[in-house]
Amino acid sequence: MFVAFKSPCPPYVNTLKGDILILAIWLSTYVLLGYPRLIIANYVRDYCSSGMFWYGVSVQLGAL
């Protein structure tokens, strides 16, 4: 959020620190949003026969 609020001139622009900061933010976002989705999908797959279809529908609608 801080980097987005500082746009179009974020802190450490065109520096190695800035590149590392943006990379760390993107990787942590990917892990924090992707891992729970994976855990939920595994739970649904194990405990519900048609759950994966509806889980996929909800993921695609959420992405839309």
PDB file of N, CA and C in Angstrom:
ATOM      1  N   MET A   1       0.825  -1.179   0.000  1.00  0.00           N
ATOM      2  CA  MET A   1       0.000   0.000   0.000  1.00  0.00           C
ATOM      3  C   MET A   1       0.874   1.250   0.000  1.00  0.00           C
ATOM      4  N   PHE A   2       1.948   1.222   0.772  1.00  0.00           N
ATOM      5  CA  PHE A   2       2.823   2.393   0.847  1.00  0.00           C
ATOM      6  C   PHE A   2       3.433   2.707  -0.516  1.00  0.00           C
ATOM      7  N   VAL A   3       3.906   1.684  -1.201  1.00  0.00           N
ATOM      8  CA  VAL A   3       4.514   1.880  -2.519  1.00  0.00           C
ATOM      9  C   VAL A   3       3.459   2.377  -3.508  1.00  0.00           C
ATOM     10  N   ALA A   4       2.244   1.850  -3.422  1.00  0.00           N
ATOM     11  CA  ALA A   4       1.180   2.282  -4.324  1.00  0.00           C
ATOM     12  C   ALA A   4       0.794   3.738  -4.069  1.00  0.00           C
ATOM     13  N   PHE A   5       0.760   4.139  -2.803  1.00  0.00           N
ATOM     14  CA  PHE A   5       0.419   5.528  -2.496  1.00  0.00           C
ATOM     15  C   PHE A   5       1.503   6.494  -2.957  1.00  0.00           C
ATOM     16  N   LYS A   6       2.740   6.037  -2.976  1.00  0.00           N
ATOM     17  CA  LYS A   6       3.846   6.895  -3.393  1.00  0.00           C
ATOM     18  C   LYS A   6       4.026   6.937  -4.909  1.00  0.00           C
ATOM     19  N   SER A   7       3.244   6.168  -5.641  1.00  0.00           N
ATOM     20  CA  SER A   7       3.349   6.128  -7.092  1.00  0.00           C
ATOM     21  C   SER A   7       2.969   7.488  -7.670  1.00  0.00           C
ATOM     22  N   PRO A   8       3.557   7.947  -8.715  1.00  0.00           N
ATOM     23  CA  PRO A   8       4.487   7.343  -9.657  1.00  0.00           C
ATOM     24  C   PRO A   8       5.951   7.498  -9.268  1.00  0.00           C
ATOM     25  N   CYS A   9       6.223   7.974  -8.070  1.00  0.00           N
ATOM     26  CA  CYS A   9       7.613   8.152  -7.646  1.00  0.00           C
ATOM     27  C   CYS A   9       7.833   7.415  -6.327  1.00  0.00           C
ATOM     28  N   PRO A  10       7.903   6.070  -6.377  1.00  0.00           N
ATOM     29  CA  PRO A  10       8.037   5.293  -5.141  1.00  0.00           C
ATOM     30  C   PRO A  10       9.420   5.488  -4.518  1.00  0.00           C
ATOM     31  N   PRO A  11       9.569   5.109  -3.261  1.00  0.00           N
ATOM     32  CA  PRO A  11      10.874   5.239  -2.622  1.00  0.00           C
ATOM     33  C   PRO A  11      11.899   4.326  -3.292  1.00  0.00           C
ATOM     34  N   TYR A  12      13.123   4.784  -3.300  1.00  0.00           N
ATOM     35  CA  TYR A  12      14.251   4.033  -3.870  1.00  0.00           C
ATOM     36  C   TYR A  12      14.055   3.727  -5.352  1.00  0.00           C
ATOM     37  N   VAL A  13      13.443   4.635  -6.097  1.00  0.00           N
ATOM     38  CA  VAL A  13      13.214   4.413  -7.518  1.00  0.00           C
ATOM     39  C   VAL A  13      14.562   4.315  -8.240  1.00  0.00           C
ATOM     40  N   ASN A  14      14.679   3.338  -9.143  1.00  0.00           N
ATOM     41  CA  ASN A  14      15.884   3.082  -9.946  1.00  0.00           C
ATOM     42  C   ASN A  14      17.111   2.771  -9.106  1.00  0.00           C
ATOM     43  N   THR A  15      16.912   2.086  -7.979  1.00  0.00           N
ATOM     44  CA  THR A  15      18.036   1.643  -7.151  1.00  0.00           C
ATOM     45  C   THR A  15      17.888   0.151  -6.875  1.00  0.00           C
ATOM     46  N   LEU A  16      18.962  -0.453  -6.439  1.00  0.00           N
ATOM     47  CA  LEU A  16      18.922  -1.877  -6.096  1.00  0.00           C
ATOM     48  C   LEU A  16      17.999  -2.119  -4.905  1.00  0.00           C
ATOM     49  N   LYS A  17      18.005  -1.210  -3.937  1.00  0.00           N
ATOM     50  CA  LYS A  17      17.105  -1.343  -2.781  1.00  0.00           C
ATOM     51  C   LYS A  17      15.643  -1.342  -3.222  1.00  0.00           C
ATOM     52  N   GLY A  18      15.305  -0.457  -4.149  1.00  0.00           N
ATOM     53  CA  GLY A  18      13.937  -0.396  -4.647  1.00  0.00           C
ATOM     54  C   GLY A  18      13.542  -1.655  -5.384  1.00  0.00           C
ATOM     55  N   ASP A  19      14.460  -2.180  -6.206  1.00  0.00           N
ATOM     56  CA  ASP A  19      14.172  -3.429  -6.917  1.00  0.00           C
ATOM     57  C   ASP A  19      13.933  -4.578  -5.953  1.00  0.00           C
ATOM     58  N   ILE A  20      14.758  -4.661  -4.920  1.00  0.00           N
ATOM     59  CA  ILE A  20      14.606  -5.729  -3.929  1.00  0.00           C
ATOM     60  C   ILE A  20      13.307  -5.548  -3.147  1.00  0.00           C
ATOM     61  N   LEU A  21      12.965  -4.291  -2.824  1.00  0.00           N
ATOM     62  CA  LEU A  21      11.724  -4.010  -2.107  1.00  0.00           C
ATOM     63  C   LEU A  21      10.508  -4.447  -2.912  1.00  0.00           C
ATOM     64  N   ILE A  22      10.454  -4.090  -4.170  1.00  0.00           N
ATOM     65  CA  ILE A  22       9.318  -4.461  -5.017  1.00  0.00           C
ATOM     66  C   ILE A  22       9.256  -5.971  -5.198  1.00  0.00           C
ATOM     67  N   LEU A  23      10.397  -6.618  -5.395  1.00  0.00           N
ATOM     68  CA  LEU A  23      10.424  -8.076  -5.533  1.00  0.00           C
ATOM     69  C   LEU A  23       9.910  -8.752  -4.271  1.00  0.00           C
ATOM     70  N   ALA A  24      10.340  -8.277  -3.108  1.00  0.00           N
ATOM     71  CA  ALA A  24       9.895  -8.865  -1.843  1.00  0.00           C
ATOM     72  C   ALA A  24       8.391  -8.673  -1.650  1.00  0.00           C
ATOM     73  N   ILE A  25       7.891  -7.509  -2.039  1.00  0.00           N
ATOM     74  CA  ILE A  25       6.453  -7.255  -1.906  1.00  0.00           C
ATOM     75  C   ILE A  25       5.660  -8.184  -2.812  1.00  0.00           C
ATOM     76  N   TRP A  26       6.082  -8.342  -4.065  1.00  0.00           N
ATOM     77  CA  TRP A  26       5.357  -9.215  -4.993  1.00  0.00           C
ATOM     78  C   TRP A  26       5.408 -10.675  -4.554  1.00  0.00           C
ATOM     79  N   LEU A  27       6.574 -11.131  -4.108  1.00  0.00           N
ATOM     80  CA  LEU A  27       6.681 -12.532  -3.676  1.00  0.00           C
ATOM     81  C   LEU A  27       5.835 -12.796  -2.434  1.00  0.00           C
ATOM     82  N   SER A  28       5.867 -11.883  -1.471  1.00  0.00           N
ATOM     83  CA  SER A  28       5.072 -12.099  -0.260  1.00  0.00           C
ATOM     84  C   SER A  28       3.576 -12.047  -0.570  1.00  0.00           C
ATOM     85  N   THR A  29       3.170 -11.176  -1.485  1.00  0.00           N
ATOM     86  CA  THR A  29       1.761 -11.122  -1.883  1.00  0.00           C
ATOM     87  C   THR A  29       1.345 -12.426  -2.549  1.00  0.00           C
ATOM     88  N   TYR A  30       2.186 -12.935  -3.437  1.00  0.00           N
ATOM     89  CA  TYR A  30       1.883 -14.186  -4.124  1.00  0.00           C
ATOM     90  C   TYR A  30       1.746 -15.339  -3.131  1.00  0.00           C
ATOM     91  N   VAL A  31       2.648 -15.407  -2.168  1.00  0.00           N
ATOM     92  CA  VAL A  31       2.607 -16.496  -1.186  1.00  0.00           C
ATOM     93  C   VAL A  31       1.407 -16.337  -0.256  1.00  0.00           C
ATOM     94  N   LEU A  32       1.161 -15.130   0.229  1.00  0.00           N
ATOM     95  CA  LEU A  32       0.072 -14.922   1.189  1.00  0.00           C
ATOM     96  C   LEU A  32      -1.306 -15.098   0.566  1.00  0.00           C
ATOM     97  N   LEU A  33      -1.431 -14.863  -0.737  1.00  0.00           N
ATOM     98  CA  LEU A  33      -2.727 -15.051  -1.386  1.00  0.00           C
ATOM     99  C   LEU A  33      -2.863 -16.424  -2.049  1.00  0.00           C
ATOM    100  N   GLY A  34      -1.760 -17.012  -2.460  1.00  0.00           N
ATOM    101  CA  GLY A  34      -1.813 -18.290  -3.162  1.00  0.00           C
ATOM    102  C   GLY A  34      -1.860 -19.501  -2.263  1.00  0.00           C
ATOM    103  N   TYR A  35      -1.139 -19.458  -1.158  1.00  0.00           N
ATOM    104  CA  TYR A  35      -1.081 -20.621  -0.277  1.00  0.00           C
ATOM    105  C   TYR A  35      -2.436 -20.958   0.348  1.00  0.00           C
ATOM    106  N   PRO A  36      -3.174 -19.995   0.894  1.00  0.00           N
ATOM    107  CA  PRO A  36      -4.499 -20.349   1.434  1.00  0.00           C
ATOM    108  C   PRO A  36      -5.439 -20.894   0.364  1.00  0.00           C
ATOM    109  N   ARG A  37      -5.342 -20.393  -0.847  1.00  0.00           N
ATOM    110  CA  ARG A  37      -6.184 -20.914  -1.932  1.00  0.00           C
ATOM    111  C   ARG A  37      -5.847 -22.379  -2.203  1.00  0.00           C
ATOM    112  N   LEU A  38      -4.585 -22.726  -2.147  1.00  0.00           N
ATOM    113  CA  LEU A  38      -4.160 -24.109  -2.336  1.00  0.00           C
ATOM    114  C   LEU A  38      -4.667 -25.003  -1.209  1.00  0.00           C
ATOM    115  N   ILE A  39      -4.584 -24.539   0.010  1.00  0.00           N
ATOM    116  CA  ILE A  39      -5.045 -25.317   1.161  1.00  0.00           C
ATOM    117  C   ILE A  39      -6.563 -25.546   1.073  1.00  0.00           C
ATOM    118  N   ILE A  40      -7.308 -24.509   0.719  1.00  0.00           N
ATOM    119  CA  ILE A  40      -8.760 -24.645   0.583  1.00  0.00           C
ATOM    120  C   ILE A  40      -9.104 -25.622  -0.532  1.00  0.00           C
ATOM    121  N   ALA A  41      -8.388 -25.553  -1.651  1.00  0.00           N
ATOM    122  CA  ALA A  41      -8.650 -26.470  -2.762  1.00  0.00           C
ATOM    123  C   ALA A  41      -8.390 -27.914  -2.355  1.00  0.00           C
ATOM    124  N   ASN A  42      -7.337 -28.171  -1.619  1.00  0.00           N
ATOM    125  CA  ASN A  42      -7.058 -29.544  -1.159  1.00  0.00           C
ATOM    126  C   ASN A  42      -8.130 -30.033  -0.200  1.00  0.00           C
ATOM    127  N   TYR A  43      -8.607 -29.160   0.681  1.00  0.00           N
ATOM    128  CA  TYR A  43      -9.669 -29.540   1.603  1.00  0.00           C
ATOM    129  C   TYR A  43     -10.947 -29.871   0.844  1.00  0.00           C
ATOM    130  N   VAL A  44     -11.309 -29.032  -0.117  1.00  0.00           N
ATOM    131  CA  VAL A  44     -12.531 -29.256  -0.898  1.00  0.00           C
ATOM    132  C   VAL A  44     -12.417 -30.549  -1.708  1.00  0.00           C
ATOM    133  N   ARG A  45     -11.255 -30.798  -2.274  1.00  0.00           N
ATOM    134  CA  ARG A  45     -11.053 -32.005  -3.081  1.00  0.00           C
ATOM    135  C   ARG A  45     -11.223 -33.266  -2.239  1.00  0.00           C
ATOM    136  N   ASP A  46     -10.774 -33.219  -0.988  1.00  0.00           N
ATOM    137  CA  ASP A  46     -10.854 -34.399  -0.133  1.00  0.00           C
ATOM    138  C   ASP A  46     -12.251 -34.658   0.421  1.00  0.00           C
ATOM    139  N   TYR A  47     -13.035 -33.609   0.654  1.00  0.00           N
ATOM    140  CA  TYR A  47     -14.283 -33.779   1.397  1.00  0.00           C
ATOM    141  C   TYR A  47     -15.560 -33.536   0.605  1.00  0.00           C
ATOM    142  N   CYS A  48     -15.459 -33.197  -0.668  1.00  0.00           N
ATOM    143  CA  CYS A  48     -16.681 -32.926  -1.425  1.00  0.00           C
ATOM    144  C   CYS A  48     -16.493 -33.405  -2.860  1.00  0.00           C
ATOM    145  N   SER A  49     -17.471 -34.165  -3.367  1.00  0.00           N
ATOM    146  CA  SER A  49     -17.311 -34.757  -4.701  1.00  0.00           C
ATOM    147  C   SER A  49     -17.386 -33.720  -5.817  1.00  0.00           C
ATOM    148  N   SER A  50     -18.346 -32.822  -5.773  1.00  0.00           N
ATOM    149  CA  SER A  50     -18.460 -31.805  -6.821  1.00  0.00           C
ATOM    150  C   SER A  50     -17.895 -30.455  -6.369  1.00  0.00           C
ATOM    151  N   GLY A  51     -17.194 -30.464  -5.255  1.00  0.00           N
ATOM    152  CA  GLY A  51     -16.689 -29.218  -4.694  1.00  0.00           C
ATOM    153  C   GLY A  51     -15.633 -28.541  -5.544  1.00  0.00           C
ATOM    154  N   MET A  52     -14.814 -29.326  -6.235  1.00  0.00           N
ATOM    155  CA  MET A  52     -13.761 -28.710  -7.046  1.00  0.00           C
ATOM    156  C   MET A  52     -14.346 -27.900  -8.194  1.00  0.00           C
ATOM    157  N   PHE A  53     -15.449 -28.376  -8.761  1.00  0.00           N
ATOM    158  CA  PHE A  53     -16.094 -27.604  -9.828  1.00  0.00           C
ATOM    159  C   PHE A  53     -16.546 -26.247  -9.307  1.00  0.00           C
ATOM    160  N   TRP A  54     -17.246 -26.243  -8.166  1.00  0.00           N
ATOM    161  CA  TRP A  54     -17.752 -24.991  -7.625  1.00  0.00           C
ATOM    162  C   TRP A  54     -16.632 -24.120  -7.081  1.00  0.00           C
ATOM    163  N   TYR A  55     -15.602 -24.748  -6.580  1.00  0.00           N
ATOM    164  CA  TYR A  55     -14.436 -23.978  -6.134  1.00  0.00           C
ATOM    165  C   TYR A  55     -13.787 -23.286  -7.327  1.00  0.00           C
ATOM    166  N   GLY A  56     -13.650 -24.000  -8.446  1.00  0.00           N
ATOM    167  CA  GLY A  56     -13.087 -23.408  -9.646  1.00  0.00           C
ATOM    168  C   GLY A  56     -13.939 -22.275 -10.182  1.00  0.00           C
ATOM    169  N   VAL A  57     -15.267 -22.472 -10.125  1.00  0.00           N
ATOM    170  CA  VAL A  57     -16.174 -21.404 -10.560  1.00  0.00           C
ATOM    171  C   VAL A  57     -15.989 -20.166  -9.701  1.00  0.00           C
ATOM    172  N   SER A  58     -15.912 -20.364  -8.381  1.00  0.00           N
ATOM    173  CA  SER A  58     -15.774 -19.206  -7.503  1.00  0.00           C
ATOM    174  C   SER A  58     -14.429 -18.510  -7.678  1.00  0.00           C
ATOM    175  N   VAL A  59     -13.365 -19.275  -7.924  1.00  0.00           N
ATOM    176  CA  VAL A  59     -12.055 -18.666  -8.159  1.00  0.00           C
ATOM    177  C   VAL A  59     -12.076 -17.843  -9.450  1.00  0.00           C
ATOM    178  N   GLN A  60     -12.682 -18.387 -10.499  1.00  0.00           N
ATOM    179  CA  GLN A  60     -12.733 -17.659 -11.763  1.00  0.00           C
ATOM    180  C   GLN A  60     -13.615 -16.416 -11.661  1.00  0.00           C
ATOM    181  N   LEU A  61     -14.717 -16.500 -10.945  1.00  0.00           N
ATOM    182  CA  LEU A  61     -15.555 -15.320 -10.748  1.00  0.00           C
ATOM    183  C   LEU A  61     -14.831 -14.269  -9.912  1.00  0.00           C
ATOM    184  N   GLY A  62     -14.068 -14.721  -8.937  1.00  0.00           N
ATOM    185  CA  GLY A  62     -13.289 -13.782  -8.142  1.00  0.00           C
ATOM    186  C   GLY A  62     -12.196 -13.104  -8.957  1.00  0.00           C
ATOM    187  N   ALA A  63     -11.616 -13.838  -9.894  1.00  0.00           N
ATOM    188  CA  ALA A  63     -10.593 -13.251 -10.757  1.00  0.00           C
ATOM    189  C   ALA A  63     -11.195 -12.276 -11.758  1.00  0.00           C
ATOM    190  N   LEU A  64     -12.457 -12.525 -12.095  1.00  0.00           N
ATOM    191  CA  LEU A  64     -13.127 -11.632 -13.052  1.00  0.00           C
ATOM    192  C   LEU A  64     -13.338 -10.274 -12.435  1.00  0.00           C
TER     193      LEU A  64
END
